[in-house]
């Protein structure tokens, strides 16, 4: 957990051979797809590699379930939050608005 960077929790959900990273922060959950919007192509590729590496270390992509992030994945996400703080905050606000709008539907 790295509350200093605003990260409350992080886990990987695997379902139907797809891995989805979820980062809980400031009342919003960001996915790896959300984060890829602010990453360079190289960073996005690295994120994907780290997510799959975490799954492979604990099971397999064809085993549905919840997986813990590795230390390398935590370090990578913490670095993104630190170095792209303004962009991350904009993503968080966007997710909060979307969540609020969905509740009104």
C-alpha atoms as a PDB file:
ATOM      1  CA  UNK A   1       0.000   0.000   0.000  1.00  0.00           C
ATOM      2  CA  UNK A   2       1.339   3.431  -0.881  1.00  0.00           C
ATOM      3  CA  UNK A   3      -1.008   6.072   0.479  1.00  0.00           C
ATOM      4  CA  UNK A   4       1.713   8.679   0.004  1.00  0.00           C
ATOM      5  CA  UNK A   5       1.071   8.496  -3.737  1.00  0.00           C
ATOM      6  CA  UNK A   6      -2.688   8.143  -3.203  1.00  0.00           C
ATOM      7  CA  UNK A   7      -2.803   4.397  -3.853  1.00  0.00           C
ATOM      8  CA  UNK A   8      -5.046   2.589  -1.373  1.00  0.00           C
ATOM      9  CA  UNK A   9      -5.066  -0.890  -2.881  1.00  0.00           C
ATOM     10  CA  UNK A  10      -4.214  -2.756  -6.046  1.00  0.00           C
ATOM     11  CA  UNK A  11      -5.095  -6.185  -7.419  1.00  0.00           C
ATOM     12  CA  UNK A  12      -5.375  -8.098 -10.677  1.00  0.00           C
ATOM     13  CA  UNK A  13      -8.631  -9.737 -11.688  1.00  0.00           C
ATOM     14  CA  UNK A  14      -8.382 -12.582 -14.186  1.00  0.00           C
ATOM     15  CA  UNK A  15     -11.493 -13.750 -16.004  1.00  0.00           C
ATOM     16  CA  UNK A  16     -11.903 -15.490 -19.348  1.00  0.00           C
ATOM     17  CA  UNK A  17      -8.122 -15.395 -19.957  1.00  0.00           C
ATOM     18  CA  UNK A  18      -8.008 -11.608 -19.532  1.00  0.00           C
ATOM     19  CA  UNK A  19      -6.072  -9.841 -16.785  1.00  0.00           C
ATOM     20  CA  UNK A  20      -7.385  -6.516 -15.502  1.00  0.00           C
ATOM     21  CA  UNK A  21      -5.349  -4.391 -13.105  1.00  0.00           C
ATOM     22  CA  UNK A  22      -7.423  -2.352 -10.647  1.00  0.00           C
ATOM     23  CA  UNK A  23      -5.872   0.462  -8.649  1.00  0.00           C
ATOM     24  CA  UNK A  24      -8.083   1.882  -5.881  1.00  0.00           C
ATOM     25  CA  UNK A  25      -7.300   5.478  -5.061  1.00  0.00           C
ATOM     26  CA  UNK A  26      -9.163   8.462  -3.615  1.00  0.00           C
ATOM     27  CA  UNK A  27     -12.542   6.781  -3.959  1.00  0.00           C
ATOM     28  CA  UNK A  28     -12.024   5.841  -7.612  1.00  0.00           C
ATOM     29  CA  UNK A  29     -10.810   2.656  -9.241  1.00  0.00           C
ATOM     30  CA  UNK A  30      -8.482   2.996 -12.182  1.00  0.00           C
ATOM     31  CA  UNK A  31      -7.833   0.113 -14.539  1.00  0.00           C
ATOM     32  CA  UNK A  32      -4.735  -0.609 -16.537  1.00  0.00           C
ATOM     33  CA  UNK A  33      -6.680   0.604 -19.599  1.00  0.00           C
ATOM     34  CA  UNK A  34      -7.300   3.939 -17.848  1.00  0.00           C
ATOM     35  CA  UNK A  35      -3.617   4.271 -16.990  1.00  0.00           C
ATOM     36  CA  UNK A  36      -2.546   3.431 -20.540  1.00  0.00           C
ATOM     37  CA  UNK A  37      -4.215   6.686 -21.634  1.00  0.00           C
ATOM     38  CA  UNK A  38      -1.425   8.632 -19.931  1.00  0.00           C
ATOM     39  CA  UNK A  39       1.469   6.243 -20.578  1.00  0.00           C
ATOM     40  CA  UNK A  40       3.894   6.199 -23.460  1.00  0.00           C
ATOM     41  CA  UNK A  41       3.637   3.122 -25.706  1.00  0.00           C
ATOM     42  CA  UNK A  42       6.768   1.726 -24.037  1.00  0.00           C
ATOM     43  CA  UNK A  43       5.340   2.300 -20.554  1.00  0.00           C
ATOM     44  CA  UNK A  44       2.022   0.724 -21.561  1.00  0.00           C
ATOM     45  CA  UNK A  45       3.858  -2.342 -22.857  1.00  0.00           C
ATOM     46  CA  UNK A  46       5.858  -2.551 -19.620  1.00  0.00           C
ATOM     47  CA  UNK A  47       2.655  -2.325 -17.565  1.00  0.00           C
ATOM     48  CA  UNK A  48       1.126  -5.167 -19.555  1.00  0.00           C
ATOM     49  CA  UNK A  49       4.264  -7.282 -19.058  1.00  0.00           C
ATOM     50  CA  UNK A  50       4.284  -6.645 -15.303  1.00  0.00           C
ATOM     51  CA  UNK A  51       0.596  -7.548 -14.931  1.00  0.00           C
ATOM     52  CA  UNK A  52       1.050 -10.814 -16.827  1.00  0.00           C
ATOM     53  CA  UNK A  53       4.241 -11.571 -14.909  1.00  0.00           C
ATOM     54  CA  UNK A  54       2.345 -11.202 -11.612  1.00  0.00           C
ATOM     55  CA  UNK A  55      -0.364 -13.575 -12.836  1.00  0.00           C
ATOM     56  CA  UNK A  56       2.180 -16.129 -14.085  1.00  0.00           C
ATOM     57  CA  UNK A  57       4.053 -16.072 -10.764  1.00  0.00           C
ATOM     58  CA  UNK A  58       0.873 -16.936  -8.831  1.00  0.00           C
ATOM     59  CA  UNK A  59      -1.127 -19.040 -11.266  1.00  0.00           C
ATOM     60  CA  UNK A  60      -1.953 -18.734 -14.933  1.00  0.00           C
ATOM     61  CA  UNK A  61      -3.902 -16.490 -17.279  1.00  0.00           C
ATOM     62  CA  UNK A  62      -6.421 -19.324 -17.766  1.00  0.00           C
ATOM     63  CA  UNK A  63      -7.083 -19.566 -13.991  1.00  0.00           C
ATOM     64  CA  UNK A  64      -9.784 -17.046 -13.130  1.00  0.00           C
ATOM     65  CA  UNK A  65      -9.344 -15.286  -9.820  1.00  0.00           C
ATOM     66  CA  UNK A  66      -7.798 -12.389  -7.930  1.00  0.00           C
ATOM     67  CA  UNK A  67      -4.023 -12.007  -7.978  1.00  0.00           C
ATOM     68  CA  UNK A  68      -1.705  -9.823  -5.924  1.00  0.00           C
ATOM     69  CA  UNK A  69       0.619  -7.352  -7.658  1.00  0.00           C
ATOM     70  CA  UNK A  70       4.339  -8.061  -7.491  1.00  0.00           C
ATOM     71  CA  UNK A  71       6.746  -5.634  -5.894  1.00  0.00           C
ATOM     72  CA  UNK A  72       7.916  -4.624  -9.389  1.00  0.00           C
ATOM     73  CA  UNK A  73       4.337  -3.812 -10.397  1.00  0.00           C
ATOM     74  CA  UNK A  74       3.793  -1.783  -7.186  1.00  0.00           C
ATOM     75  CA  UNK A  75       7.011   0.120  -7.872  1.00  0.00           C
ATOM     76  CA  UNK A  76       5.995   0.809 -11.479  1.00  0.00           C
ATOM     77  CA  UNK A  77       2.519   2.087 -10.547  1.00  0.00           C
ATOM     78  CA  UNK A  78       3.934   4.190  -7.704  1.00  0.00           C
ATOM     79  CA  UNK A  79       6.404   5.753 -10.134  1.00  0.00           C
ATOM     80  CA  UNK A  80       3.598   6.522 -12.605  1.00  0.00           C
ATOM     81  CA  UNK A  81       1.538   8.155  -9.841  1.00  0.00           C
ATOM     82  CA  UNK A  82       4.529  10.207  -8.708  1.00  0.00           C
ATOM     83  CA  UNK A  83       5.817  11.286 -12.131  1.00  0.00           C
ATOM     84  CA  UNK A  84       2.416  11.837 -13.786  1.00  0.00           C
ATOM     85  CA  UNK A  85       0.572  13.156 -10.754  1.00  0.00           C
ATOM     86  CA  UNK A  86      -1.435  15.800 -12.609  1.00  0.00           C
ATOM     87  CA  UNK A  87      -2.543  13.370 -15.324  1.00  0.00           C
ATOM     88  CA  UNK A  88      -3.428  10.716 -12.742  1.00  0.00           C
ATOM     89  CA  UNK A  89      -5.527  13.239 -10.805  1.00  0.00           C
ATOM     90  CA  UNK A  90      -7.404  14.137 -13.999  1.00  0.00           C
ATOM     91  CA  UNK A  91      -8.101  10.428 -14.605  1.00  0.00           C
ATOM     92  CA  UNK A  92      -9.373  10.044 -11.052  1.00  0.00           C
ATOM     93  CA  UNK A  93     -11.721  13.014 -11.417  1.00  0.00           C
ATOM     94  CA  UNK A  94     -12.985  11.637 -14.741  1.00  0.00           C
ATOM     95  CA  UNK A  95     -13.705   8.242 -13.155  1.00  0.00           C
ATOM     96  CA  UNK A  96     -15.502   9.913 -10.238  1.00  0.00           C
ATOM     97  CA  UNK A  97     -17.722  11.851 -12.666  1.00  0.00           C
ATOM     98  CA  UNK A  98     -18.452   8.705 -14.698  1.00  0.00           C
ATOM     99  CA  UNK A  99     -19.342   6.793 -11.547  1.00  0.00           C
ATOM    100  CA  UNK A 100     -21.628   9.578 -10.364  1.00  0.00           C
ATOM    101  CA  UNK A 101     -23.303   9.796 -13.793  1.00  0.00           C
ATOM    102  CA  UNK A 102     -23.835   6.019 -13.871  1.00  0.00           C
ATOM    103  CA  UNK A 103     -25.510   6.156 -10.470  1.00  0.00           C
ATOM    104  CA  UNK A 104     -27.975   8.713 -11.812  1.00  0.00           C
ATOM    105  CA  UNK A 105     -29.043   6.467 -14.708  1.00  0.00           C
END
